[in-house]
């Protein structure tokens, strides 16, 4: 399942999308609120890393820095969350803006690493839910998953929920049911690149 995404984002591109979709941004925010991924890790955000997350704040969309994966005592962190059959109207909904995400195939380490992007919208979103800070743990988030579409099915039996920018406002502000957002996207939505071959 997807446990790594890429956040090498352009502030000007983000601003342009937000203006086009009529989503308001708090006046105090700057590109520093968007560019929080680590350049030393090639802007990849994996489990336990910090990432920029979009959250509703009144009638505005605020950028917050959160940890990917909610710690669970005695278990691994919660980083993926099934959307199937669930109602998220009362959940703390958020979006992880990204320019790509990764899937891994194979049974031996290192596994083959595949990068998926959306040519029609270089910047897109991953539907997520977030959890408040608790004790010594900072606020965190988990990505929603759904059935795989035709582009992802050859690589994995689950897929993260991808939101094109025109769906951002619906996920963040519409409290009705969201089944339409969870449907896999059609074939040829994603471009695929093999970043690293696996070990046979």
N, C-alpha and C. Protein backbone atom coordinates (compact mmCIF):
# COMPACT_ATOMS: atom_id res chain seq x y z
N UNK A 1 0.85 -1.18 0.00
CA UNK A 1 0.00 0.00 0.00
C UNK A 1 0.88 1.23 0.00
N UNK A 2 0.36 2.32 -0.49
CA UNK A 2 1.16 3.54 -0.59
C UNK A 2 1.59 4.03 0.79
N UNK A 3 2.90 4.13 0.98
CA UNK A 3 3.41 4.66 2.24
C UNK A 3 4.44 5.76 2.00
N UNK A 4 4.41 6.33 0.81
CA UNK A 4 5.39 7.38 0.47
C UNK A 4 4.84 8.22 -0.68
N UNK A 5 4.96 9.54 -0.53
CA UNK A 5 4.52 10.46 -1.58
C UNK A 5 5.58 11.53 -1.77
N UNK A 6 5.44 12.31 -2.82
CA UNK A 6 6.42 13.34 -3.13
C UNK A 6 5.77 14.71 -3.00
N UNK A 7 6.44 15.61 -2.28
CA UNK A 7 5.93 16.97 -2.07
C UNK A 7 6.98 17.99 -2.49
N UNK A 8 7.32 17.99 -3.75
CA UNK A 8 8.18 19.03 -4.28
C UNK A 8 7.26 20.02 -4.98
N UNK A 9 6.75 20.97 -4.20
CA UNK A 9 5.63 21.78 -4.64
C UNK A 9 6.02 23.23 -4.93
N UNK A 10 5.29 23.82 -5.84
CA UNK A 10 5.49 25.22 -6.21
C UNK A 10 4.41 26.07 -5.56
N UNK A 11 4.85 27.08 -4.80
CA UNK A 11 3.90 27.98 -4.15
C UNK A 11 3.03 28.70 -5.18
N UNK A 12 3.63 29.16 -6.26
CA UNK A 12 2.87 29.87 -7.28
C UNK A 12 1.84 28.95 -7.93
N UNK A 13 2.20 27.71 -8.16
CA UNK A 13 1.24 26.76 -8.73
C UNK A 13 0.11 26.49 -7.74
N UNK A 14 0.45 26.34 -6.48
CA UNK A 14 -0.56 26.12 -5.44
C UNK A 14 -1.52 27.31 -5.37
N UNK A 15 -0.97 28.52 -5.33
CA UNK A 15 -1.80 29.72 -5.28
C UNK A 15 -2.72 29.78 -6.49
N UNK A 16 -2.18 29.49 -7.67
CA UNK A 16 -2.98 29.53 -8.89
C UNK A 16 -4.15 28.57 -8.84
N UNK A 17 -3.92 27.35 -8.35
CA UNK A 17 -5.00 26.37 -8.24
C UNK A 17 -6.05 26.83 -7.23
N UNK A 18 -5.60 27.33 -6.09
CA UNK A 18 -6.55 27.77 -5.07
C UNK A 18 -7.42 28.91 -5.58
N UNK A 19 -6.84 29.83 -6.31
CA UNK A 19 -7.62 30.93 -6.87
C UNK A 19 -8.61 30.41 -7.91
N UNK A 20 -8.16 29.51 -8.75
CA UNK A 20 -9.03 28.95 -9.79
C UNK A 20 -10.22 28.22 -9.18
N UNK A 21 -9.99 27.51 -8.06
CA UNK A 21 -11.06 26.74 -7.43
C UNK A 21 -11.82 27.55 -6.38
N UNK A 22 -11.52 28.85 -6.27
CA UNK A 22 -12.19 29.76 -5.32
C UNK A 22 -12.05 29.27 -3.89
N UNK A 23 -10.86 28.79 -3.54
CA UNK A 23 -10.56 28.37 -2.18
C UNK A 23 -9.67 29.42 -1.54
N UNK A 24 -10.11 29.96 -0.40
CA UNK A 24 -9.40 31.06 0.23
C UNK A 24 -8.23 30.57 1.09
N UNK A 25 -7.16 31.36 1.08
CA UNK A 25 -5.95 31.05 1.84
C UNK A 25 -5.75 32.11 2.90
N UNK A 26 -5.43 31.73 4.15
CA UNK A 26 -5.16 32.74 5.19
C UNK A 26 -4.03 33.68 4.76
N UNK A 27 -4.19 34.95 5.05
CA UNK A 27 -3.23 35.96 4.60
C UNK A 27 -1.85 35.76 5.19
N UNK A 28 -1.75 35.11 6.35
CA UNK A 28 -0.46 34.96 7.02
C UNK A 28 0.38 33.84 6.42
N UNK A 29 -0.18 33.02 5.56
CA UNK A 29 0.57 31.87 5.08
C UNK A 29 1.47 32.23 3.90
N UNK A 30 2.61 31.54 3.82
CA UNK A 30 3.59 31.76 2.77
C UNK A 30 4.06 30.42 2.23
N UNK A 31 4.99 30.46 1.29
CA UNK A 31 5.53 29.24 0.72
C UNK A 31 6.23 28.37 1.76
N UNK A 32 6.65 28.95 2.88
CA UNK A 32 7.28 28.16 3.94
C UNK A 32 6.31 27.16 4.55
N UNK A 33 5.01 27.47 4.49
CA UNK A 33 4.00 26.57 5.03
C UNK A 33 3.74 25.39 4.10
N UNK A 34 4.10 25.55 2.84
CA UNK A 34 3.88 24.49 1.85
C UNK A 34 5.11 23.62 1.68
N UNK A 35 6.28 24.23 1.73
CA UNK A 35 7.52 23.52 1.42
C UNK A 35 8.18 23.02 2.70
N UNK A 36 7.57 21.99 3.31
CA UNK A 36 8.09 21.47 4.58
C UNK A 36 8.75 20.10 4.42
N UNK A 37 8.63 19.47 3.24
CA UNK A 37 9.28 18.18 3.04
C UNK A 37 10.79 18.38 2.95
N UNK A 38 11.53 17.33 3.21
CA UNK A 38 12.98 17.40 3.36
C UNK A 38 13.70 17.27 2.01
N UNK A 39 14.41 18.33 1.57
CA UNK A 39 15.15 18.22 0.30
C UNK A 39 16.19 17.10 0.34
N UNK A 40 16.75 16.82 1.52
CA UNK A 40 17.75 15.76 1.63
C UNK A 40 17.16 14.38 1.33
N UNK A 41 15.84 14.26 1.44
CA UNK A 41 15.15 13.01 1.10
C UNK A 41 14.46 13.12 -0.25
N UNK A 42 14.94 14.06 -1.08
CA UNK A 42 14.37 14.29 -2.41
C UNK A 42 12.88 14.63 -2.32
N UNK A 43 12.49 15.33 -1.25
CA UNK A 43 11.12 15.80 -1.03
C UNK A 43 10.12 14.66 -0.87
N UNK A 44 10.58 13.48 -0.56
CA UNK A 44 9.69 12.35 -0.33
C UNK A 44 9.23 12.35 1.13
N UNK A 45 7.95 12.08 1.33
CA UNK A 45 7.36 12.02 2.67
C UNK A 45 6.95 10.58 2.93
N UNK A 46 7.64 9.93 3.86
CA UNK A 46 7.33 8.56 4.24
C UNK A 46 6.76 8.51 5.65
N UNK A 47 6.44 7.33 6.11
CA UNK A 47 5.86 7.16 7.45
C UNK A 47 6.80 7.75 8.50
N UNK A 48 6.26 8.61 9.35
CA UNK A 48 7.04 9.26 10.39
C UNK A 48 7.61 10.60 9.98
N UNK A 49 7.56 10.92 8.69
CA UNK A 49 8.06 12.22 8.21
C UNK A 49 6.98 13.28 8.35
N UNK A 50 7.38 14.55 8.28
CA UNK A 50 6.41 15.63 8.30
C UNK A 50 6.04 16.02 6.88
N UNK A 51 4.80 16.43 6.72
CA UNK A 51 4.32 16.86 5.41
C UNK A 51 3.38 18.04 5.55
N UNK A 52 3.18 18.74 4.46
CA UNK A 52 2.22 19.85 4.42
C UNK A 52 0.83 19.29 4.15
N UNK A 53 -0.13 19.69 4.96
CA UNK A 53 -1.50 19.19 4.89
C UNK A 53 -2.47 20.37 4.81
N UNK A 54 -3.47 20.26 3.95
CA UNK A 54 -4.51 21.28 3.83
C UNK A 54 -5.68 20.93 4.74
N UNK A 55 -6.07 21.86 5.60
CA UNK A 55 -7.19 21.63 6.52
C UNK A 55 -8.17 22.80 6.44
N UNK A 56 -9.46 22.55 6.62
CA UNK A 56 -10.41 23.66 6.64
C UNK A 56 -10.26 24.48 7.92
N UNK A 57 -10.31 25.79 7.77
CA UNK A 57 -10.24 26.71 8.90
C UNK A 57 -11.29 27.79 8.68
N UNK A 58 -12.48 27.54 9.21
CA UNK A 58 -13.59 28.43 8.89
C UNK A 58 -13.94 28.25 7.42
N UNK A 59 -13.95 29.36 6.67
CA UNK A 59 -14.22 29.26 5.24
C UNK A 59 -12.92 29.30 4.42
N UNK A 60 -11.79 29.13 5.09
CA UNK A 60 -10.50 29.15 4.42
C UNK A 60 -9.84 27.77 4.47
N UNK A 61 -8.80 27.62 3.65
CA UNK A 61 -8.02 26.38 3.65
C UNK A 61 -6.62 26.72 4.15
N UNK A 62 -6.28 26.16 5.30
CA UNK A 62 -5.01 26.47 5.93
C UNK A 62 -4.03 25.31 5.74
N UNK A 63 -2.77 25.65 5.57
CA UNK A 63 -1.72 24.65 5.50
C UNK A 63 -1.18 24.39 6.90
N UNK A 64 -1.08 23.13 7.27
CA UNK A 64 -0.53 22.73 8.56
C UNK A 64 0.55 21.69 8.33
N UNK A 65 1.50 21.61 9.23
CA UNK A 65 2.54 20.59 9.16
C UNK A 65 2.17 19.46 10.10
N UNK A 66 2.08 18.24 9.56
CA UNK A 66 1.70 17.08 10.37
C UNK A 66 2.60 15.91 10.07
N UNK A 67 2.58 14.95 10.98
CA UNK A 67 3.36 13.72 10.85
C UNK A 67 2.54 12.69 10.09
N UNK A 68 3.18 12.02 9.12
CA UNK A 68 2.50 10.98 8.36
C UNK A 68 2.49 9.69 9.17
N UNK A 69 1.29 9.30 9.61
CA UNK A 69 1.13 8.08 10.39
C UNK A 69 0.84 8.37 11.84
N UNK A 70 -0.31 7.89 12.32
CA UNK A 70 -0.68 8.07 13.73
C UNK A 70 -0.11 6.92 14.55
N UNK A 71 0.69 7.21 15.58
CA UNK A 71 1.22 6.13 16.43
C UNK A 71 0.09 5.36 17.09
N UNK A 72 0.27 4.03 17.19
CA UNK A 72 -0.68 3.16 17.87
C UNK A 72 0.09 2.27 18.84
N UNK A 73 -0.15 2.40 20.13
CA UNK A 73 0.59 1.61 21.12
C UNK A 73 0.51 0.11 20.82
N UNK A 74 1.67 -0.52 20.77
CA UNK A 74 1.72 -1.95 20.55
C UNK A 74 1.52 -2.37 19.11
N UNK A 75 1.37 -1.41 18.23
CA UNK A 75 1.16 -1.71 16.81
C UNK A 75 1.95 -0.71 15.98
N UNK A 76 2.02 -0.97 14.68
CA UNK A 76 2.64 -0.02 13.78
C UNK A 76 1.75 1.20 13.60
N UNK A 77 2.29 2.30 13.07
CA UNK A 77 1.50 3.51 12.89
C UNK A 77 0.37 3.33 11.88
N UNK A 78 -0.72 4.02 12.09
CA UNK A 78 -1.85 4.02 11.16
C UNK A 78 -1.55 5.05 10.07
N UNK A 79 -1.24 4.56 8.86
CA UNK A 79 -0.92 5.49 7.77
C UNK A 79 -1.87 5.38 6.59
N UNK A 80 -2.58 4.25 6.47
CA UNK A 80 -3.63 4.07 5.47
C UNK A 80 -4.93 3.75 6.17
N UNK A 81 -6.06 4.25 5.62
CA UNK A 81 -7.36 4.08 6.25
C UNK A 81 -8.38 3.77 5.15
N UNK A 82 -9.05 2.63 5.26
CA UNK A 82 -10.00 2.22 4.22
C UNK A 82 -11.20 3.16 4.16
N UNK A 83 -11.57 3.56 2.95
CA UNK A 83 -12.74 4.42 2.78
C UNK A 83 -14.02 3.60 2.56
N UNK A 84 -13.88 2.35 2.18
CA UNK A 84 -15.00 1.52 1.78
C UNK A 84 -16.09 1.46 2.86
N UNK A 85 -17.30 1.87 2.49
CA UNK A 85 -18.45 1.76 3.39
C UNK A 85 -18.45 2.70 4.57
N UNK A 86 -17.54 3.66 4.61
CA UNK A 86 -17.44 4.55 5.76
C UNK A 86 -18.03 5.92 5.44
N UNK A 87 -18.53 6.56 6.48
CA UNK A 87 -19.07 7.92 6.38
C UNK A 87 -18.10 8.86 7.08
N UNK A 88 -17.57 9.82 6.34
CA UNK A 88 -16.56 10.73 6.89
C UNK A 88 -17.11 12.14 7.17
N UNK A 89 -18.43 12.26 7.25
CA UNK A 89 -19.02 13.58 7.43
C UNK A 89 -18.59 14.23 8.75
N UNK A 90 -18.30 13.43 9.77
CA UNK A 90 -17.90 13.98 11.06
C UNK A 90 -16.40 13.82 11.33
N UNK A 91 -15.65 13.41 10.32
CA UNK A 91 -14.21 13.20 10.49
C UNK A 91 -13.43 14.49 10.29
N UNK A 92 -12.22 14.51 10.78
CA UNK A 92 -11.32 15.63 10.54
C UNK A 92 -10.65 15.41 9.18
N UNK A 93 -11.28 15.93 8.15
CA UNK A 93 -10.83 15.69 6.78
C UNK A 93 -9.72 16.66 6.39
N UNK A 94 -8.78 16.17 5.62
CA UNK A 94 -7.69 17.01 5.14
C UNK A 94 -7.20 16.48 3.80
N UNK A 95 -6.30 17.20 3.19
CA UNK A 95 -5.75 16.80 1.90
C UNK A 95 -4.24 16.95 1.96
N UNK A 96 -3.54 15.96 1.45
CA UNK A 96 -2.09 16.06 1.29
C UNK A 96 -1.83 16.46 -0.17
N UNK A 97 -1.37 17.70 -0.41
CA UNK A 97 -1.06 18.09 -1.79
C UNK A 97 0.27 17.47 -2.20
N UNK A 98 0.30 16.84 -3.36
CA UNK A 98 1.50 16.13 -3.81
C UNK A 98 1.70 16.33 -5.31
N UNK A 99 2.90 15.97 -5.77
CA UNK A 99 3.11 15.92 -7.21
C UNK A 99 3.44 14.50 -7.65
N UNK A 100 3.31 13.53 -6.75
CA UNK A 100 3.50 12.13 -7.10
C UNK A 100 3.39 11.24 -5.87
N UNK A 101 3.16 9.95 -6.10
CA UNK A 101 3.16 8.97 -5.02
C UNK A 101 3.82 7.69 -5.52
N UNK A 102 4.20 6.84 -4.57
CA UNK A 102 4.98 5.66 -4.90
C UNK A 102 4.25 4.38 -4.52
N UNK A 103 4.45 3.35 -5.32
CA UNK A 103 4.05 1.99 -4.97
C UNK A 103 5.28 1.11 -5.11
N UNK A 104 5.28 -0.01 -4.35
CA UNK A 104 6.43 -0.91 -4.35
C UNK A 104 5.95 -2.31 -4.70
N UNK A 105 6.72 -3.00 -5.53
CA UNK A 105 6.38 -4.36 -5.91
C UNK A 105 7.56 -5.28 -5.66
N UNK A 106 7.23 -6.57 -5.51
CA UNK A 106 8.27 -7.56 -5.26
C UNK A 106 8.21 -8.08 -3.84
N UNK A 107 8.95 -9.13 -3.58
CA UNK A 107 8.95 -9.75 -2.25
C UNK A 107 10.27 -9.62 -1.53
N UNK A 108 11.32 -9.23 -2.25
CA UNK A 108 12.64 -9.11 -1.65
C UNK A 108 13.06 -7.64 -1.58
N UNK A 109 13.86 -7.32 -0.60
CA UNK A 109 14.36 -5.95 -0.45
C UNK A 109 15.71 -5.82 -1.17
N UNK A 110 15.91 -4.71 -1.90
CA UNK A 110 14.97 -3.61 -2.10
C UNK A 110 13.90 -3.96 -3.13
N UNK A 111 12.67 -3.60 -2.83
CA UNK A 111 11.57 -3.83 -3.77
C UNK A 111 11.63 -2.81 -4.91
N UNK A 112 10.99 -3.14 -6.01
CA UNK A 112 10.90 -2.19 -7.13
C UNK A 112 10.06 -0.99 -6.70
N UNK A 113 10.51 0.20 -7.05
CA UNK A 113 9.86 1.44 -6.64
C UNK A 113 9.27 2.13 -7.87
N UNK A 114 7.97 2.40 -7.82
CA UNK A 114 7.25 2.97 -8.96
C UNK A 114 6.69 4.35 -8.59
N UNK A 115 6.92 5.32 -9.43
CA UNK A 115 6.38 6.67 -9.22
C UNK A 115 5.18 6.88 -10.13
N UNK A 116 4.08 7.39 -9.54
CA UNK A 116 2.88 7.71 -10.30
C UNK A 116 2.61 9.21 -10.21
N UNK A 117 2.36 9.81 -11.35
CA UNK A 117 2.02 11.24 -11.43
C UNK A 117 0.74 11.38 -12.24
N UNK A 118 0.18 12.60 -12.24
CA UNK A 118 -1.05 12.88 -12.99
C UNK A 118 -0.72 13.96 -14.02
N UNK A 119 -0.48 13.59 -15.26
CA UNK A 119 -0.08 14.58 -16.28
C UNK A 119 -1.08 15.72 -16.45
N UNK A 120 -2.38 15.45 -16.26
CA UNK A 120 -3.39 16.49 -16.46
C UNK A 120 -3.38 17.54 -15.36
N UNK A 121 -2.77 17.22 -14.22
CA UNK A 121 -2.72 18.17 -13.10
C UNK A 121 -1.48 17.85 -12.29
N UNK A 122 -0.37 18.52 -12.58
CA UNK A 122 0.90 18.17 -11.95
C UNK A 122 0.78 18.14 -10.43
N UNK A 123 0.03 19.08 -9.87
CA UNK A 123 -0.24 19.10 -8.43
C UNK A 123 -1.64 18.53 -8.19
N UNK A 124 -1.74 17.51 -7.35
CA UNK A 124 -3.04 16.92 -7.04
C UNK A 124 -3.07 16.61 -5.55
N UNK A 125 -4.13 15.98 -5.08
CA UNK A 125 -4.28 15.76 -3.65
C UNK A 125 -4.56 14.31 -3.30
N UNK A 126 -4.22 13.94 -2.07
CA UNK A 126 -4.57 12.64 -1.52
C UNK A 126 -5.55 12.87 -0.38
N UNK A 127 -6.76 12.31 -0.50
CA UNK A 127 -7.76 12.46 0.55
C UNK A 127 -7.25 11.79 1.82
N UNK A 128 -7.31 12.51 2.93
CA UNK A 128 -6.75 12.03 4.19
C UNK A 128 -7.63 12.46 5.35
N UNK A 129 -7.37 11.88 6.51
CA UNK A 129 -7.98 12.34 7.76
C UNK A 129 -6.84 12.62 8.74
N UNK A 130 -7.10 13.56 9.66
CA UNK A 130 -6.04 13.92 10.59
C UNK A 130 -6.47 13.73 12.03
N UNK A 131 -5.46 13.64 12.89
CA UNK A 131 -5.67 13.35 14.30
C UNK A 131 -4.94 14.41 15.13
N UNK A 132 -5.59 14.97 16.14
CA UNK A 132 -4.96 16.02 16.94
C UNK A 132 -3.72 15.52 17.68
N UNK A 133 -2.89 16.46 18.09
CA UNK A 133 -1.72 16.13 18.91
C UNK A 133 -2.20 15.46 20.20
N UNK A 134 -1.40 14.51 20.68
CA UNK A 134 -1.78 13.75 21.88
C UNK A 134 -0.53 13.44 22.69
N UNK A 135 -0.46 13.94 23.89
CA UNK A 135 0.72 13.73 24.71
C UNK A 135 1.93 14.38 24.06
N UNK A 136 2.98 13.58 23.86
CA UNK A 136 4.18 14.09 23.20
C UNK A 136 4.14 13.94 21.70
N UNK A 137 3.05 13.37 21.19
CA UNK A 137 2.95 13.14 19.75
C UNK A 137 2.29 14.32 19.05
N UNK A 138 2.86 14.79 17.94
CA UNK A 138 2.27 15.90 17.20
C UNK A 138 1.03 15.46 16.43
N UNK A 139 0.32 16.41 15.87
CA UNK A 139 -0.80 16.08 15.00
C UNK A 139 -0.30 15.21 13.85
N UNK A 140 -1.15 14.27 13.42
CA UNK A 140 -0.74 13.32 12.39
C UNK A 140 -1.89 13.10 11.42
N UNK A 141 -1.60 12.40 10.33
CA UNK A 141 -2.63 12.14 9.33
C UNK A 141 -2.43 10.76 8.72
N UNK A 142 -3.51 10.23 8.12
CA UNK A 142 -3.48 8.96 7.40
C UNK A 142 -4.19 9.14 6.07
N UNK A 143 -3.68 8.47 5.05
CA UNK A 143 -4.26 8.54 3.71
C UNK A 143 -5.43 7.57 3.58
N UNK A 144 -6.48 7.98 2.87
CA UNK A 144 -7.60 7.09 2.60
C UNK A 144 -7.28 6.19 1.40
N UNK A 145 -7.82 4.97 1.44
CA UNK A 145 -7.61 4.03 0.34
C UNK A 145 -8.95 3.56 -0.22
N UNK A 146 -8.90 3.04 -1.44
CA UNK A 146 -10.08 2.55 -2.12
C UNK A 146 -9.68 1.39 -3.02
N UNK A 147 -10.63 0.89 -3.82
CA UNK A 147 -10.31 -0.15 -4.79
C UNK A 147 -9.38 0.42 -5.86
N UNK A 148 -8.47 -0.38 -6.40
CA UNK A 148 -7.54 0.16 -7.39
C UNK A 148 -8.20 0.38 -8.74
N UNK A 149 -7.78 1.45 -9.41
CA UNK A 149 -8.20 1.70 -10.78
C UNK A 149 -7.33 0.92 -11.74
N UNK A 150 -7.62 0.98 -13.03
CA UNK A 150 -6.87 0.17 -14.01
C UNK A 150 -5.39 0.49 -14.08
N UNK A 151 -4.99 1.73 -13.76
CA UNK A 151 -3.56 2.07 -13.80
C UNK A 151 -2.78 1.48 -12.64
N UNK A 152 -3.44 1.32 -11.50
CA UNK A 152 -2.75 0.88 -10.27
C UNK A 152 -2.91 -0.62 -10.04
N UNK A 153 -3.99 -1.21 -10.55
CA UNK A 153 -4.29 -2.62 -10.26
C UNK A 153 -3.13 -3.57 -10.58
N UNK A 154 -2.35 -3.36 -11.64
CA UNK A 154 -1.22 -4.27 -11.88
C UNK A 154 -0.13 -4.20 -10.81
N UNK A 155 -0.16 -3.16 -9.97
CA UNK A 155 0.89 -2.96 -8.99
C UNK A 155 0.45 -3.22 -7.55
N UNK A 156 -0.86 -3.04 -7.29
CA UNK A 156 -1.34 -3.23 -5.91
C UNK A 156 -2.84 -3.47 -5.92
N UNK A 157 -3.34 -4.16 -4.86
CA UNK A 157 -4.76 -4.46 -4.78
C UNK A 157 -5.55 -3.39 -4.04
N UNK A 158 -4.88 -2.29 -3.64
CA UNK A 158 -5.54 -1.13 -3.05
C UNK A 158 -4.91 0.12 -3.68
N UNK A 159 -5.61 1.24 -3.55
CA UNK A 159 -5.13 2.50 -4.10
C UNK A 159 -5.52 3.65 -3.17
N UNK A 160 -4.65 4.63 -3.03
CA UNK A 160 -5.02 5.81 -2.27
C UNK A 160 -6.08 6.60 -3.04
N UNK A 161 -6.88 7.38 -2.31
CA UNK A 161 -7.94 8.18 -2.92
C UNK A 161 -7.34 9.48 -3.45
N UNK A 162 -7.33 9.61 -4.77
CA UNK A 162 -6.76 10.78 -5.43
C UNK A 162 -7.84 11.82 -5.67
N UNK A 163 -7.53 13.07 -5.33
CA UNK A 163 -8.45 14.18 -5.56
C UNK A 163 -7.82 15.18 -6.53
N UNK A 164 -8.42 15.33 -7.69
CA UNK A 164 -8.00 16.41 -8.57
C UNK A 164 -8.46 17.73 -7.94
N UNK A 165 -7.81 18.85 -8.27
CA UNK A 165 -8.11 20.11 -7.56
C UNK A 165 -9.58 20.51 -7.55
N UNK A 166 -10.35 20.14 -8.57
CA UNK A 166 -11.77 20.51 -8.59
C UNK A 166 -12.57 19.78 -7.52
N UNK A 167 -11.98 18.76 -6.89
CA UNK A 167 -12.67 18.01 -5.82
C UNK A 167 -12.20 18.42 -4.43
N UNK A 168 -11.22 19.29 -4.33
CA UNK A 168 -10.67 19.66 -3.02
C UNK A 168 -11.73 20.28 -2.11
N UNK A 169 -12.47 21.25 -2.63
CA UNK A 169 -13.48 21.93 -1.82
C UNK A 169 -14.56 20.99 -1.33
N UNK A 170 -14.96 20.04 -2.19
CA UNK A 170 -15.99 19.07 -1.80
C UNK A 170 -15.53 18.24 -0.61
N UNK A 171 -14.31 17.73 -0.67
CA UNK A 171 -13.82 16.89 0.42
C UNK A 171 -13.65 17.68 1.72
N UNK A 172 -13.17 18.92 1.62
CA UNK A 172 -12.88 19.69 2.84
C UNK A 172 -14.13 20.30 3.47
N UNK A 173 -15.11 20.70 2.65
CA UNK A 173 -16.21 21.51 3.19
C UNK A 173 -17.60 20.89 3.07
N UNK A 174 -17.78 19.88 2.25
CA UNK A 174 -19.10 19.30 2.04
C UNK A 174 -19.28 18.14 3.02
N UNK A 175 -20.26 18.24 3.91
CA UNK A 175 -20.47 17.21 4.93
C UNK A 175 -21.40 16.09 4.50
N UNK A 176 -21.80 16.08 3.23
CA UNK A 176 -22.61 14.97 2.75
C UNK A 176 -21.71 13.78 2.49
N UNK A 177 -22.30 12.67 2.04
CA UNK A 177 -21.50 11.46 1.79
C UNK A 177 -20.57 11.68 0.60
N UNK A 178 -19.46 10.95 0.59
CA UNK A 178 -18.40 11.23 -0.39
C UNK A 178 -18.08 10.04 -1.29
N UNK A 179 -19.03 9.13 -1.48
CA UNK A 179 -18.73 7.92 -2.25
C UNK A 179 -18.18 8.22 -3.63
N UNK A 180 -18.68 9.27 -4.28
CA UNK A 180 -18.22 9.58 -5.63
C UNK A 180 -16.74 9.91 -5.66
N UNK A 181 -16.23 10.49 -4.57
CA UNK A 181 -14.81 10.86 -4.54
C UNK A 181 -13.92 9.63 -4.40
N UNK A 182 -14.48 8.53 -3.90
CA UNK A 182 -13.67 7.35 -3.62
C UNK A 182 -13.58 6.39 -4.81
N UNK A 183 -14.26 6.72 -5.90
CA UNK A 183 -14.23 5.84 -7.06
C UNK A 183 -12.86 5.92 -7.75
N UNK A 184 -12.33 4.78 -8.17
CA UNK A 184 -11.05 4.79 -8.87
C UNK A 184 -11.12 5.64 -10.13
N UNK A 185 -10.04 6.29 -10.46
CA UNK A 185 -9.99 7.13 -11.64
C UNK A 185 -9.77 6.27 -12.89
N UNK A 186 -10.21 6.75 -14.06
CA UNK A 186 -10.16 5.92 -15.27
C UNK A 186 -8.75 5.64 -15.76
N UNK A 187 -8.65 4.70 -16.68
CA UNK A 187 -7.37 4.34 -17.27
C UNK A 187 -6.70 5.55 -17.90
N UNK A 188 -5.38 5.57 -17.86
CA UNK A 188 -4.55 6.63 -18.44
C UNK A 188 -4.61 7.93 -17.64
N UNK A 189 -5.15 7.88 -16.40
CA UNK A 189 -5.10 9.06 -15.52
C UNK A 189 -3.66 9.28 -15.05
N UNK A 190 -2.96 8.19 -14.74
CA UNK A 190 -1.63 8.28 -14.15
C UNK A 190 -0.54 7.98 -15.19
N UNK A 191 0.57 8.66 -15.03
CA UNK A 191 1.80 8.29 -15.72
C UNK A 191 2.66 7.50 -14.76
N UNK A 192 3.34 6.49 -15.26
CA UNK A 192 4.12 5.57 -14.43
C UNK A 192 5.59 5.62 -14.81
N UNK A 193 6.45 5.64 -13.79
CA UNK A 193 7.88 5.60 -14.01
C UNK A 193 8.51 4.63 -13.02
N UNK A 194 9.33 3.71 -13.52
CA UNK A 194 10.07 2.81 -12.65
C UNK A 194 11.29 3.56 -12.12
N UNK A 195 11.26 3.89 -10.84
CA UNK A 195 12.34 4.67 -10.23
C UNK A 195 13.52 3.79 -9.86
N UNK A 196 13.21 2.56 -9.38
CA UNK A 196 14.26 1.65 -8.93
C UNK A 196 13.83 0.23 -9.20
N UNK A 197 14.61 -0.52 -9.97
CA UNK A 197 14.27 -1.94 -10.18
C UNK A 197 14.36 -2.72 -8.87
N UNK A 198 13.59 -3.77 -8.78
CA UNK A 198 13.64 -4.60 -7.59
C UNK A 198 14.73 -5.64 -7.65
N UNK A 199 14.92 -6.32 -6.52
CA UNK A 199 15.89 -7.41 -6.43
C UNK A 199 15.19 -8.71 -6.73
N UNK A 200 15.73 -9.49 -7.65
CA UNK A 200 15.13 -10.77 -8.01
C UNK A 200 15.36 -11.81 -6.93
